Amino acid sequence: MGLPEGSALSLPGQANTVAQPSGRQPAQQEPAQTVAPSAPVTPPAPATPSAPATNDGKTVEDGKAGERPLPDIAALMHDVETNQRAAEAIEKDYLYRSLVTEQRLDSHGGLKKIETREFEVFWENGVPVGRLEKKDGQELSPDEQKKESERIDKDSEKAKERREKADEEGKESDARGHELMTASRALELGSFTNARRVQLNGRDTIVADYAGDPKAKTRTKFEEVVRDMMGTVWVDERDRVLVKAEGHFVNNFKIGGGLVANIQKGTSFAMEQRKVNGEVWLPARFEGQGSARALLFLGFNGRVEAVESDYRKFKATSKIVPVESPTTPESMPK
């Protein structure tokens, strides 16, 4: 399913990590054209087999859709993995904005600080990157811009080195060189159950619950994360792509004594994707609550939310077709 080791809180989905991306200024192109994103996916209400068919996320029971047999879940997850890798060729033509809002808590659980960061996310030289543009609504100073460029160069070079090393060792890796969690391996570490068909925004979606097997033998620390995870996934039945996922961690997790990664038990997450321009699914929203840190990829103690918007193509030959504008996301509680 393509879950990279470095983004432990992101279930299988796009290769971009939105909570703390890194990158550089995209290559000079003709002015980017704006693509209005489609409406964000609305979490479905719990459904039962007898629930009527609707367009707001309830189970489809009546009519032809309800009569169709559900697809084999293992085969469906393999399709998700295959399609995700194929979609990267299209993703590389897009760039978008990511607004990250973090609510930091103090040692007593009280609100300590609210911070915002704004990134432009895109692909360059085969690596998904992102350039930090604003902090708390303010443009970066010249010194901060210089440091950001240095960080981008260093991070991109490390990504290339990891990919080359993985290729030499014959290991599968993502675009940033991190180990991939394949669909086959995820199914060995846990199981998908309670499959049902729902409709999200008028599209048939297969929903299944995932629970790791505490008795499963793991090969790496990252596999321990997947084994100790519980959650739910939503897969678009027609496109065979992950459109939503949510879950939580049932155990504390540390790598390198907590220096490399540190996720506290009970930390929860949710992610959504939306179909842009009728051709590719891109990140739309990510939320995390609890305490987690994984190198430069993400880190929060409290709550973090990333909202993606302003999808654009930057290839001069691209034809942009506007899509439905989204509803304004609800603001985070104070």
C-alpha atoms as a PDB file:
ATOM      1  CA  MET A   1       0.000   0.000   0.000  1.00  0.00           C
ATOM      2  CA  GLY A   2       2.995   2.245  -0.098  1.00  0.00           C
ATOM      3  CA  LEU A   3       3.356   3.453   3.479  1.00  0.00           C
ATOM      4  CA  PRO A   4       6.826   5.026   3.836  1.00  0.00           C
ATOM      5  CA  GLU A   5       8.856   4.357   6.963  1.00  0.00           C
ATOM      6  CA  GLY A   6       9.555   8.018   7.550  1.00  0.00           C
ATOM      7  CA  SER A   7       5.897   9.029   7.728  1.00  0.00           C
ATOM      8  CA  ALA A   8       4.548   6.716  10.367  1.00  0.00           C
ATOM      9  CA  LEU A   9       1.384   8.730  10.948  1.00  0.00           C
ATOM     10  CA  SER A  10       0.363   8.753   7.294  1.00  0.00           C
ATOM     11  CA  LEU A  11      -1.561   5.703   6.180  1.00  0.00           C
ATOM     12  CA  PRO A  12      -1.146   4.562   2.574  1.00  0.00           C
ATOM     13  CA  GLY A  13      -1.786   7.461   0.324  1.00  0.00           C
ATOM     14  CA  GLN A  14       0.155  10.106  -1.561  1.00  0.00           C
ATOM     15  CA  ALA A  15       3.903  10.196  -1.301  1.00  0.00           C
ATOM     16  CA  ASN A  16       3.858  13.747   0.071  1.00  0.00           C
ATOM     17  CA  THR A  17       4.128  14.253   3.820  1.00  0.00           C
ATOM     18  CA  VAL A  18       2.222  17.383   4.675  1.00  0.00           C
ATOM     19  CA  ALA A  19       2.866  17.927   8.365  1.00  0.00           C
ATOM     20  CA  GLN A  20       6.501  18.894   7.838  1.00  0.00           C
ATOM     21  CA  PRO A  21       7.471  18.847   4.150  1.00  0.00           C
ATOM     22  CA  SER A  22      10.797  19.945   2.742  1.00  0.00           C
ATOM     23  CA  GLY A  23      11.821  21.165  -0.689  1.00  0.00           C
ATOM     24  CA  ARG A  24      13.105  23.898  -3.007  1.00  0.00           C
ATOM     25  CA  GLN A  25      11.825  26.535  -5.403  1.00  0.00           C
ATOM     26  CA  PRO A  26      10.228  24.764  -8.411  1.00  0.00           C
ATOM     27  CA  ALA A  27      11.927  25.111 -11.772  1.00  0.00           C
ATOM     28  CA  GLN A  28      10.959  28.113 -13.892  1.00  0.00           C
ATOM     29  CA  GLN A  29       7.729  27.424 -15.748  1.00  0.00           C
ATOM     30  CA  GLU A  30       4.959  29.398 -17.295  1.00  0.00           C
ATOM     31  CA  PRO A  31       2.655  30.938 -14.669  1.00  0.00           C
ATOM     32  CA  ALA A  32       0.821  28.204 -12.845  1.00  0.00           C
ATOM     33  CA  GLN A  33      -2.891  27.945 -13.436  1.00  0.00           C
ATOM     34  CA  THR A  34      -5.166  27.450 -10.491  1.00  0.00           C
ATOM     35  CA  VAL A  35      -7.208  24.300 -10.172  1.00  0.00           C
ATOM     36  CA  ALA A  36     -10.154  24.701  -7.841  1.00  0.00           C
ATOM     37  CA  PRO A  37     -10.258  21.616  -5.569  1.00  0.00           C
ATOM     38  CA  SER A  38     -13.306  19.458  -5.078  1.00  0.00           C
ATOM     39  CA  ALA A  39     -15.273  19.311  -1.869  1.00  0.00           C
ATOM     40  CA  PRO A  40     -13.395  17.644   1.020  1.00  0.00           C
ATOM     41  CA  VAL A  41     -14.503  14.207   2.052  1.00  0.00           C
ATOM     42  CA  THR A  42     -17.000  14.276   4.912  1.00  0.00           C
ATOM     43  CA  PRO A  43     -16.539  11.551   7.547  1.00  0.00           C
ATOM     44  CA  PRO A  44     -19.397   9.041   7.198  1.00  0.00           C
ATOM     45  CA  ALA A  45     -21.771   8.270  10.026  1.00  0.00           C
ATOM     46  CA  PRO A  46     -21.518   4.727  11.412  1.00  0.00           C
ATOM     47  CA  ALA A  47     -23.456   2.485   9.067  1.00  0.00           C
ATOM     48  CA  THR A  48     -25.326  -0.767   9.480  1.00  0.00           C
ATOM     49  CA  PRO A  49     -26.169  -3.273   6.767  1.00  0.00           C
ATOM     50  CA  SER A  50     -29.768  -2.103   6.750  1.00  0.00           C
ATOM     51  CA  ALA A  51     -28.966   1.593   6.254  1.00  0.00           C
ATOM     52  CA  PRO A  52     -30.492   3.153   3.094  1.00  0.00           C
ATOM     53  CA  ALA A  53     -28.362   4.438   0.241  1.00  0.00           C
ATOM     54  CA  THR A  54     -27.487   8.129   0.499  1.00  0.00           C
ATOM     55  CA  ASN A  55     -24.818  10.549  -0.691  1.00  0.00           C
ATOM     56  CA  ASP A  56     -23.521  11.500   2.760  1.00  0.00           C
ATOM     57  CA  GLY A  57     -21.466   8.453   3.650  1.00  0.00           C
ATOM     58  CA  LYS A  58     -24.069   5.906   4.699  1.00  0.00           C
ATOM     59  CA  THR A  59     -24.045   2.282   3.657  1.00  0.00           C
ATOM     60  CA  VAL A  60     -25.530   1.486   0.249  1.00  0.00           C
ATOM     61  CA  GLU A  61     -28.060  -1.318   0.628  1.00  0.00           C
ATOM     62  CA  ASP A  62     -30.987  -0.746  -1.739  1.00  0.00           C
ATOM     63  CA  GLY A  63     -30.722  -0.851  -5.533  1.00  0.00           C
ATOM     64  CA  LYS A  64     -28.092  -2.294  -7.813  1.00  0.00           C
ATOM     65  CA  ALA A  65     -25.131  -0.911  -5.828  1.00  0.00           C
ATOM     66  CA  GLY A  66     -26.279  -2.767  -2.715  1.00  0.00           C
ATOM     67  CA  GLU A  67     -26.744  -5.991  -4.688  1.00  0.00           C
ATOM     68  CA  ARG A  68     -23.195  -6.063  -6.048  1.00  0.00           C
ATOM     69  CA  PRO A  69     -20.833  -8.327  -4.133  1.00  0.00           C
ATOM     70  CA  LEU A  70     -18.037  -6.588  -2.270  1.00  0.00           C
ATOM     71  CA  PRO A  71     -14.562  -6.895  -3.794  1.00  0.00           C
ATOM     72  CA  ASP A  72     -11.949  -9.109  -2.206  1.00  0.00           C
ATOM     73  CA  ILE A  73     -10.236  -6.839   0.340  1.00  0.00           C
ATOM     74  CA  ALA A  74      -6.745  -8.278  -0.113  1.00  0.00           C
ATOM     75  CA  ALA A  75      -6.956  -7.799  -3.893  1.00  0.00           C
ATOM     76  CA  LEU A  76      -8.374  -4.301  -3.376  1.00  0.00           C
ATOM     77  CA  MET A  77      -5.417  -3.279  -1.207  1.00  0.00           C
ATOM     78  CA  HIS A  78      -2.967  -4.582  -3.805  1.00  0.00           C
ATOM     79  CA  ASP A  79      -4.763  -2.456  -6.408  1.00  0.00           C
ATOM     80  CA  VAL A  80      -4.453   0.585  -4.127  1.00  0.00           C
ATOM     81  CA  GLU A  81      -0.713   0.030  -3.876  1.00  0.00           C
ATOM     82  CA  THR A  82      -0.293  -0.386  -7.649  1.00  0.00           C
ATOM     83  CA  ASN A  83      -2.408   2.658  -8.487  1.00  0.00           C
ATOM     84  CA  GLN A  84      -0.640   4.837  -5.953  1.00  0.00           C
ATOM     85  CA  ARG A  85       2.716   4.196  -7.576  1.00  0.00           C
ATOM     86  CA  ALA A  86       1.295   4.819 -11.046  1.00  0.00           C
ATOM     87  CA  ALA A  87      -0.304   8.089  -9.903  1.00  0.00           C
ATOM     88  CA  GLU A  88       3.052   9.619  -8.983  1.00  0.00           C
ATOM     89  CA  ALA A  89       3.735  10.347 -12.658  1.00  0.00           C
ATOM     90  CA  ILE A  90       0.686  12.638 -12.660  1.00  0.00           C
ATOM     91  CA  GLU A  91       1.341  14.088  -9.189  1.00  0.00           C
ATOM     92  CA  LYS A  92       4.683  15.418 -10.373  1.00  0.00           C
ATOM     93  CA  ASP A  93       2.885  17.937 -12.594  1.00  0.00           C
ATOM     94  CA  TYR A  94       1.090  19.532  -9.637  1.00  0.00           C
ATOM     95  CA  LEU A  95       1.900  21.929  -6.837  1.00  0.00           C
ATOM     96  CA  TYR A  96      -0.338  23.101  -4.014  1.00  0.00           C
ATOM     97  CA  ARG A  97      -0.432  25.000  -0.737  1.00  0.00           C
ATOM     98  CA  SER A  98      -0.332  23.339   2.675  1.00  0.00           C
ATOM     99  CA  LEU A  99      -1.375  25.329   5.735  1.00  0.00           C
ATOM    100  CA  VAL A 100      -0.232  23.612   8.929  1.00  0.00           C
ATOM    101  CA  THR A 101      -1.717  24.706  12.253  1.00  0.00           C
ATOM    102  CA  GLU A 102      -0.313  23.269  15.469  1.00  0.00           C
ATOM    103  CA  GLN A 103      -1.761  23.591  18.949  1.00  0.00           C
ATOM    104  CA  ARG A 104       1.043  22.912  21.422  1.00  0.00           C
ATOM    105  CA  LEU A 105       0.280  21.793  24.950  1.00  0.00           C
ATOM    106  CA  ASP A 106       2.291  22.322  28.115  1.00  0.00           C
ATOM    107  CA  SER A 107       3.274  19.596  30.567  1.00  0.00           C
ATOM    108  CA  HIS A 108      -0.108  19.943  32.303  1.00  0.00           C
ATOM    109  CA  GLY A 109      -2.144  19.508  29.132  1.00  0.00           C
ATOM    110  CA  GLY A 110      -3.041  23.190  28.808  1.00  0.00           C
ATOM    111  CA  LEU A 111      -2.802  25.127  25.550  1.00  0.00           C
ATOM    112  CA  LYS A 112       0.690  26.609  25.370  1.00  0.00           C
ATOM    113  CA  LYS A 113       0.893  28.059  21.881  1.00  0.00           C
ATOM    114  CA  ILE A 114      -0.730  28.031  18.436  1.00  0.00           C
ATOM    115  CA  GLU A 115       1.641  28.113  15.469  1.00  0.00           C
ATOM    116  CA  THR A 116       0.958  28.191  11.737  1.00  0.00           C
ATOM    117  CA  ARG A 117       3.258  27.413   8.838  1.00  0.00           C
ATOM    118  CA  GLU A 118       2.496  27.703   5.142  1.00  0.00           C
ATOM    119  CA  PHE A 119       4.264  25.549   2.533  1.00  0.00           C
ATOM    120  CA  GLU A 120       4.237  25.192  -1.217  1.00  0.00           C
ATOM    121  CA  VAL A 121       4.462  21.480  -2.009  1.00  0.00           C
ATOM    122  CA  PHE A 122       5.659  20.087  -5.343  1.00  0.00           C
ATOM    123  CA  TRP A 123       7.935  17.505  -6.955  1.00  0.00           C
ATOM    124  CA  GLU A 124      11.433  18.211  -8.210  1.00  0.00           C
ATOM    125  CA  ASN A 125      14.021  15.778  -9.591  1.00  0.00           C
ATOM    126  CA  GLY A 126      11.755  12.879  -8.662  1.00  0.00           C
ATOM    127  CA  VAL A 127      11.430  13.914  -4.996  1.00  0.00           C
ATOM    128  CA  PRO A 128       8.311  15.372  -3.328  1.00  0.00           C
ATOM    129  CA  VAL A 129       9.407  18.566  -1.589  1.00  0.00           C
ATOM    130  CA  GLY A 130       7.903  21.644  -0.002  1.00  0.00           C
ATOM    131  CA  ARG A 131       9.123  25.174   0.547  1.00  0.00           C
ATOM    132  CA  LEU A 132       8.273  26.954   3.794  1.00  0.00           C
ATOM    133  CA  GLU A 133       6.938  30.381   2.887  1.00  0.00           C
ATOM    134  CA  LYS A 134       5.281  31.808   6.000  1.00  0.00           C
ATOM    135  CA  LYS A 135       5.348  31.349   9.764  1.00  0.00           C
ATOM    136  CA  ASP A 136       2.414  32.676  11.785  1.00  0.00           C
ATOM    137  CA  GLY A 137       1.313  34.625   8.726  1.00  0.00           C
ATOM    138  CA  GLN A 138       4.660  36.392   8.253  1.00  0.00           C
ATOM    139  CA  GLU A 139       6.977  36.022   5.265  1.00  0.00           C
ATOM    140  CA  LEU A 140      10.399  34.530   5.996  1.00  0.00           C
ATOM    141  CA  SER A 141      13.257  36.950   6.573  1.00  0.00           C
ATOM    142  CA  PRO A 142      16.282  36.818   4.215  1.00  0.00           C
ATOM    143  CA  ASP A 143      18.239  34.832   6.820  1.00  0.00           C
ATOM    144  CA  GLU A 144      15.349  32.400   7.270  1.00  0.00           C
ATOM    145  CA  GLN A 145      15.028  31.981   3.505  1.00  0.00           C
ATOM    146  CA  LYS A 146      18.727  31.150   3.292  1.00  0.00           C
ATOM    147  CA  LYS A 147      18.421  28.553   6.047  1.00  0.00           C
ATOM    148  CA  GLU A 148      15.360  27.093   4.357  1.00  0.00           C
ATOM    149  CA  SER A 149      17.271  26.717   1.081  1.00  0.00           C
ATOM    150  CA  GLU A 150      20.134  25.009   2.902  1.00  0.00           C
ATOM    151  CA  ARG A 151      17.713  22.659   4.648  1.00  0.00           C
ATOM    152  CA  ILE A 152      16.041  21.845   1.344  1.00  0.00           C
ATOM    153  CA  ASP A 153      19.335  21.038  -0.376  1.00  0.00           C
ATOM    154  CA  LYS A 154      20.487  18.846   2.479  1.00  0.00           C
ATOM    155  CA  ASP A 155      17.174  17.006   2.778  1.00  0.00           C
ATOM    156  CA  SER A 156      16.873  16.414  -0.983  1.00  0.00           C
ATOM    157  CA  GLU A 157      20.426  15.063  -1.176  1.00  0.00           C
ATOM    158  CA  LYS A 158      19.743  12.649   1.677  1.00  0.00           C
ATOM    159  CA  ALA A 159      16.582  11.456  -0.083  1.00  0.00           C
ATOM    160  CA  LYS A 160      18.565  10.670  -3.222  1.00  0.00           C
ATOM    161  CA  GLU A 161      21.241   8.852  -1.224  1.00  0.00           C
ATOM    162  CA  ARG A 162      18.612   6.729   0.542  1.00  0.00           C
ATOM    163  CA  ARG A 163      17.017   5.793  -2.779  1.00  0.00           C
ATOM    164  CA  GLU A 164      20.355   4.805  -4.291  1.00  0.00           C
ATOM    165  CA  LYS A 165      21.232   2.702  -1.252  1.00  0.00           C
ATOM    166  CA  ALA A 166      17.847   0.978  -1.308  1.00  0.00           C
ATOM    167  CA  ASP A 167      18.258   0.239  -5.022  1.00  0.00           C
ATOM    168  CA  GLU A 168      21.705  -1.246  -4.425  1.00  0.00           C
ATOM    169  CA  GLU A 169      20.305  -3.491  -1.684  1.00  0.00           C
ATOM    170  CA  GLY A 170      17.341  -4.509  -3.830  1.00  0.00           C
ATOM    171  CA  LYS A 171      14.824  -3.026  -1.410  1.00  0.00           C
ATOM    172  CA  GLU A 172      11.602  -1.266  -2.330  1.00  0.00           C
ATOM    173  CA  SER A 173      11.509   2.363  -1.303  1.00  0.00           C
ATOM    174  CA  ASP A 174       9.370   5.434  -1.831  1.00  0.00           C
ATOM    175  CA  ALA A 175      10.380   8.586  -3.696  1.00  0.00           C
ATOM    176  CA  ARG A 176      12.291   9.785  -0.625  1.00  0.00           C
ATOM    177  CA  GLY A 177      14.145   6.516  -0.196  1.00  0.00           C
ATOM    178  CA  HIS A 178      12.216   5.258   2.814  1.00  0.00           C
ATOM    179  CA  GLU A 179      11.202   1.635   3.165  1.00  0.00           C
ATOM    180  CA  LEU A 180       7.750   0.846   1.835  1.00  0.00           C
ATOM    181  CA  MET A 181       5.114  -1.140   3.649  1.00  0.00           C
ATOM    182  CA  THR A 182       3.681  -3.304   0.874  1.00  0.00           C
ATOM    183  CA  ALA A 183       0.074  -4.453   0.854  1.00  0.00           C
ATOM    184  CA  SER A 184       1.183  -8.067   1.239  1.00  0.00           C
ATOM    185  CA  ARG A 185       3.253  -7.279   4.318  1.00  0.00           C
ATOM    186  CA  ALA A 186       0.521  -5.158   5.905  1.00  0.00           C
ATOM    187  CA  LEU A 187      -1.886  -8.076   5.505  1.00  0.00           C
ATOM    188  CA  GLU A 188       0.631 -10.314   7.269  1.00  0.00           C
ATOM    189  CA  LEU A 189       0.872  -7.894  10.200  1.00  0.00           C
ATOM    190  CA  GLY A 190      -2.870  -7.398  10.603  1.00  0.00           C
ATOM    191  CA  SER A 191      -6.226  -7.822   8.937  1.00  0.00           C
ATOM    192  CA  PHE A 192      -8.997  -5.825   7.269  1.00  0.00           C
ATOM    193  CA  THR A 193     -12.495  -6.756   8.437  1.00  0.00           C
ATOM    194  CA  ASN A 194     -16.104  -5.548   8.443  1.00  0.00           C
ATOM    195  CA  ALA A 195     -15.993  -4.498   4.782  1.00  0.00           C
ATOM    196  CA  ARG A 196     -18.965  -2.431   3.603  1.00  0.00           C
ATOM    197  CA  ARG A 197     -19.885  -0.172   0.712  1.00  0.00           C
ATOM    198  CA  VAL A 198     -20.709   3.488   1.399  1.00  0.00           C
ATOM    199  CA  GLN A 199     -21.100   6.558  -0.760  1.00  0.00           C
ATOM    200  CA  LEU A 200     -18.913   9.620  -0.303  1.00  0.00           C
ATOM    201  CA  ASN A 201     -19.727  12.619  -2.472  1.00  0.00           C
ATOM    202  CA  GLY A 202     -21.777  10.405  -4.759  1.00  0.00           C
ATOM    203  CA  ARG A 203     -18.988   7.831  -5.299  1.00  0.00           C
ATOM    204  CA  ASP A 204     -19.068   4.196  -4.192  1.00  0.00           C
ATOM    205  CA  THR A 205     -16.416   3.628  -1.545  1.00  0.00           C
ATOM    206  CA  ILE A 206     -15.307   0.438   0.172  1.00  0.00           C
ATOM    207  CA  VAL A 207     -14.712   0.864   3.898  1.00  0.00           C
ATOM    208  CA  ALA A 208     -12.835  -1.652   6.047  1.00  0.00           C
ATOM    209  CA  ASP A 209     -11.474  -1.723   9.587  1.00  0.00           C
ATOM    210  CA  TYR A 210      -7.824  -2.557  10.165  1.00  0.00           C
ATOM    211  CA  ALA A 211      -6.380  -4.127  13.294  1.00  0.00           C
ATOM    212  CA  GLY A 212      -2.797  -5.216  13.744  1.00  0.00           C
ATOM    213  CA  ASP A 213      -2.056  -8.699  15.024  1.00  0.00           C
ATOM    214  CA  PRO A 214      -0.129  -8.395  18.328  1.00  0.00           C
ATOM    215  CA  LYS A 215       1.298 -11.884  17.725  1.00  0.00           C
ATOM    216  CA  ALA A 216       2.671 -11.080  14.269  1.00  0.00           C
ATOM    217  CA  LYS A 217       6.452 -11.241  13.974  1.00  0.00           C
ATOM    218  CA  THR A 218       8.040  -8.013  12.761  1.00  0.00           C
ATOM    219  CA  ARG A 219      11.285  -7.447  10.870  1.00  0.00           C
ATOM    220  CA  THR A 220      11.766  -3.733  11.500  1.00  0.00           C
ATOM    221  CA  LYS A 221      10.738  -1.056  13.972  1.00  0.00           C
ATOM    222  CA  PHE A 222       8.466   0.435  11.372  1.00  0.00           C
ATOM    223  CA  GLU A 223       6.589  -2.855  11.066  1.00  0.00           C
ATOM    224  CA  GLU A 224       5.961  -2.670  14.798  1.00  0.00           C
ATOM    225  CA  VAL A 225       4.105   0.598  14.205  1.00  0.00           C
ATOM    226  CA  VAL A 226       1.817  -1.021  11.629  1.00  0.00           C
ATOM    227  CA  ARG A 227       1.292  -4.074  13.830  1.00  0.00           C
ATOM    228  CA  ASP A 228       0.299  -1.867  16.773  1.00  0.00           C
ATOM    229  CA  MET A 229      -2.137   0.266  14.781  1.00  0.00           C
ATOM    230  CA  MET A 230      -5.926   0.209  14.598  1.00  0.00           C
ATOM    231  CA  GLY A 231      -8.084   2.205  12.246  1.00  0.00           C
ATOM    232  CA  THR A 232     -10.406   2.423   9.256  1.00  0.00           C
ATOM    233  CA  VAL A 233      -9.714   2.976   5.553  1.00  0.00           C
ATOM    234  CA  TRP A 234     -11.953   4.286   2.768  1.00  0.00           C
ATOM    235  CA  VAL A 235     -11.078   3.179  -0.797  1.00  0.00           C
ATOM    236  CA  ASP A 236     -12.709   4.651  -3.889  1.00  0.00           C
ATOM    237  CA  GLU A 237     -14.202   1.597  -5.579  1.00  0.00           C
ATOM    238  CA  ARG A 238     -13.857   2.858  -9.146  1.00  0.00           C
ATOM    239  CA  ASP A 239     -10.373   4.397  -8.986  1.00  0.00           C
ATOM    240  CA  ARG A 240      -9.014   1.929  -6.404  1.00  0.00           C
ATOM    241  CA  VAL A 241      -7.249   4.634  -4.391  1.00  0.00           C
ATOM    242  CA  LEU A 242      -7.237   5.508  -0.720  1.00  0.00           C
ATOM    243  CA  VAL A 243      -9.465   8.536  -0.145  1.00  0.00           C
ATOM    244  CA  LYS A 244      -9.560   8.583   3.632  1.00  0.00           C
ATOM    245  CA  ALA A 245      -8.004   6.876   6.645  1.00  0.00           C
ATOM    246  CA  GLU A 246      -8.147   7.308  10.384  1.00  0.00           C
ATOM    247  CA  GLY A 247      -6.754   5.391  13.305  1.00  0.00           C
ATOM    248  CA  HIS A 248      -4.724   5.367  16.496  1.00  0.00           C
ATOM    249  CA  PHE A 249      -1.702   3.704  18.079  1.00  0.00           C
ATOM    250  CA  VAL A 250      -2.303   1.165  20.812  1.00  0.00           C
ATOM    251  CA  ASN A 251       1.234   1.201  22.263  1.00  0.00           C
ATOM    252  CA  ASN A 252       4.111   3.595  22.851  1.00  0.00           C
ATOM    253  CA  PHE A 253       6.660   3.477  20.064  1.00  0.00           C
ATOM    254  CA  LYS A 254      10.295   4.612  20.077  1.00  0.00           C
ATOM    255  CA  ILE A 255      13.300   4.352  17.773  1.00  0.00           C
ATOM    256  CA  GLY A 256      16.760   5.287  18.966  1.00  0.00           C
ATOM    257  CA  GLY A 257      15.554   5.825  22.505  1.00  0.00           C
ATOM    258  CA  GLY A 258      13.031   8.347  21.218  1.00  0.00           C
ATOM    259  CA  LEU A 259      15.570  10.462  19.332  1.00  0.00           C
ATOM    260  CA  VAL A 260      14.600   9.179  15.877  1.00  0.00           C
ATOM    261  CA  ALA A 261      10.889   8.599  16.493  1.00  0.00           C
ATOM    262  CA  ASN A 262       8.623   8.786  19.493  1.00  0.00           C
ATOM    263  CA  ILE A 263       4.876   8.130  19.337  1.00  0.00           C
ATOM    264  CA  GLN A 264       2.793   8.017  22.489  1.00  0.00           C
ATOM    265  CA  LYS A 265       0.062   5.439  23.043  1.00  0.00           C
ATOM    266  CA  GLY A 266      -3.364   6.761  22.067  1.00  0.00           C
ATOM    267  CA  THR A 267      -2.063   9.226  19.474  1.00  0.00           C
ATOM    268  CA  SER A 268      -4.671   9.431  16.710  1.00  0.00           C
ATOM    269  CA  PHE A 269      -4.606  10.588  13.113  1.00  0.00           C
ATOM    270  CA  ALA A 270      -6.889  11.143  10.132  1.00  0.00           C
ATOM    271  CA  MET A 271      -6.155  11.941   6.496  1.00  0.00           C
ATOM    272  CA  GLU A 272      -8.239  12.694   3.429  1.00  0.00           C
ATOM    273  CA  GLN A 273      -7.585  13.018  -0.283  1.00  0.00           C
ATOM    274  CA  ARG A 274      -9.615  14.653  -3.039  1.00  0.00           C
ATOM    275  CA  LYS A 275      -9.742  14.102  -6.768  1.00  0.00           C
ATOM    276  CA  VAL A 276      -8.278  17.078  -8.594  1.00  0.00           C
ATOM    277  CA  ASN A 277      -8.934  17.968 -12.223  1.00  0.00           C
ATOM    278  CA  GLY A 278     -10.626  14.611 -12.726  1.00  0.00           C
ATOM    279  CA  GLU A 279      -7.271  12.825 -13.020  1.00  0.00           C
ATOM    280  CA  VAL A 280      -5.408  12.456  -9.732  1.00  0.00           C
ATOM    281  CA  TRP A 281      -6.107  12.191  -5.999  1.00  0.00           C
ATOM    282  CA  LEU A 282      -4.027  14.608  -3.904  1.00  0.00           C
ATOM    283  CA  PRO A 283      -3.780  15.273  -0.153  1.00  0.00           C
ATOM    284  CA  ALA A 284      -6.630  17.387   1.185  1.00  0.00           C
ATOM    285  CA  ARG A 285      -6.317  17.247   4.955  1.00  0.00           C
ATOM    286  CA  PHE A 286      -4.325  15.645   7.749  1.00  0.00           C
ATOM    287  CA  GLU A 287      -5.043  15.758  11.479  1.00  0.00           C
ATOM    288  CA  GLY A 288      -3.106  14.353  14.378  1.00  0.00           C
ATOM    289  CA  GLN A 289      -3.814  14.475  18.090  1.00  0.00           C
ATOM    290  CA  GLY A 290      -1.585  13.296  20.909  1.00  0.00           C
ATOM    291  CA  SER A 291       2.206  13.279  20.936  1.00  0.00           C
ATOM    292  CA  ALA A 292       4.385  12.164  18.047  1.00  0.00           C
ATOM    293  CA  ARG A 293       7.709  12.987  16.494  1.00  0.00           C
ATOM    294  CA  ALA A 294       9.507  11.344  13.565  1.00  0.00           C
ATOM    295  CA  LEU A 295      12.654  13.220  12.577  1.00  0.00           C
ATOM    296  CA  LEU A 296      11.815  16.064  10.165  1.00  0.00           C
ATOM    297  CA  PHE A 297       8.672  14.465   8.809  1.00  0.00           C
ATOM    298  CA  LEU A 298       6.269  15.445  11.537  1.00  0.00           C
ATOM    299  CA  GLY A 299       6.134  16.377  15.160  1.00  0.00           C
ATOM    300  CA  PHE A 300       3.484  17.608  17.549  1.00  0.00           C
ATOM    301  CA  ASN A 301       2.423  17.541  21.157  1.00  0.00           C
ATOM    302  CA  GLY A 302      -1.232  18.441  21.201  1.00  0.00           C
ATOM    303  CA  ARG A 303      -3.001  18.753  17.884  1.00  0.00           C
ATOM    304  CA  VAL A 304      -1.843  19.429  14.335  1.00  0.00           C
ATOM    305  CA  GLU A 305      -3.907  20.051  11.231  1.00  0.00           C
ATOM    306  CA  ALA A 306      -2.716  20.445   7.636  1.00  0.00           C
ATOM    307  CA  VAL A 307      -5.164  21.704   5.014  1.00  0.00           C
ATOM    308  CA  GLU A 308      -4.210  21.556   1.338  1.00  0.00           C
ATOM    309  CA  SER A 309      -5.589  23.912  -1.317  1.00  0.00           C
ATOM    310  CA  ASP A 310      -4.791  25.941  -4.467  1.00  0.00           C
ATOM    311  CA  TYR A 311      -3.920  22.934  -6.627  1.00  0.00           C
ATOM    312  CA  ARG A 312      -2.148  23.998  -9.824  1.00  0.00           C
ATOM    313  CA  LYS A 313      -0.311  22.478 -12.733  1.00  0.00           C
ATOM    314  CA  PHE A 314       3.022  23.980 -13.681  1.00  0.00           C
ATOM    315  CA  LYS A 315       3.754  22.168 -16.956  1.00  0.00           C
ATOM    316  CA  ALA A 316       3.379  24.569 -19.851  1.00  0.00           C
ATOM    317  CA  THR A 317       1.574  21.963 -21.949  1.00  0.00           C
ATOM    318  CA  SER A 318      -1.036  21.173 -19.304  1.00  0.00           C
ATOM    319  CA  LYS A 319      -4.705  21.808 -19.898  1.00  0.00           C
ATOM    320  CA  ILE A 320      -6.411  22.900 -16.690  1.00  0.00           C
ATOM    321  CA  VAL A 321     -10.023  21.944 -16.112  1.00  0.00           C
ATOM    322  CA  PRO A 322     -11.609  23.571 -13.026  1.00  0.00           C
ATOM    323  CA  VAL A 323     -13.377  21.303 -10.578  1.00  0.00           C
ATOM    324  CA  GLU A 324     -15.905  21.934  -7.870  1.00  0.00           C
ATOM    325  CA  SER A 325     -14.816  24.389  -5.173  1.00  0.00           C
ATOM    326  CA  PRO A 326     -14.595  22.995  -1.630  1.00  0.00           C
ATOM    327  CA  THR A 327     -16.480  23.995   1.419  1.00  0.00           C
ATOM    328  CA  THR A 328     -14.304  26.082   3.742  1.00  0.00           C
ATOM    329  CA  PRO A 329     -12.783  23.728   6.366  1.00  0.00           C
ATOM    330  CA  GLU A 330     -13.911  24.242   9.914  1.00  0.00           C
ATOM    331  CA  SER A 331     -11.401  26.074  12.060  1.00  0.00           C
ATOM    332  CA  MET A 332      -9.616  24.294  14.864  1.00  0.00           C
ATOM    333  CA  PRO A 333     -11.130  24.685  18.347  1.00  0.00           C
ATOM    334  CA  LYS A 334      -9.415  27.197  20.540  1.00  0.00           C
END
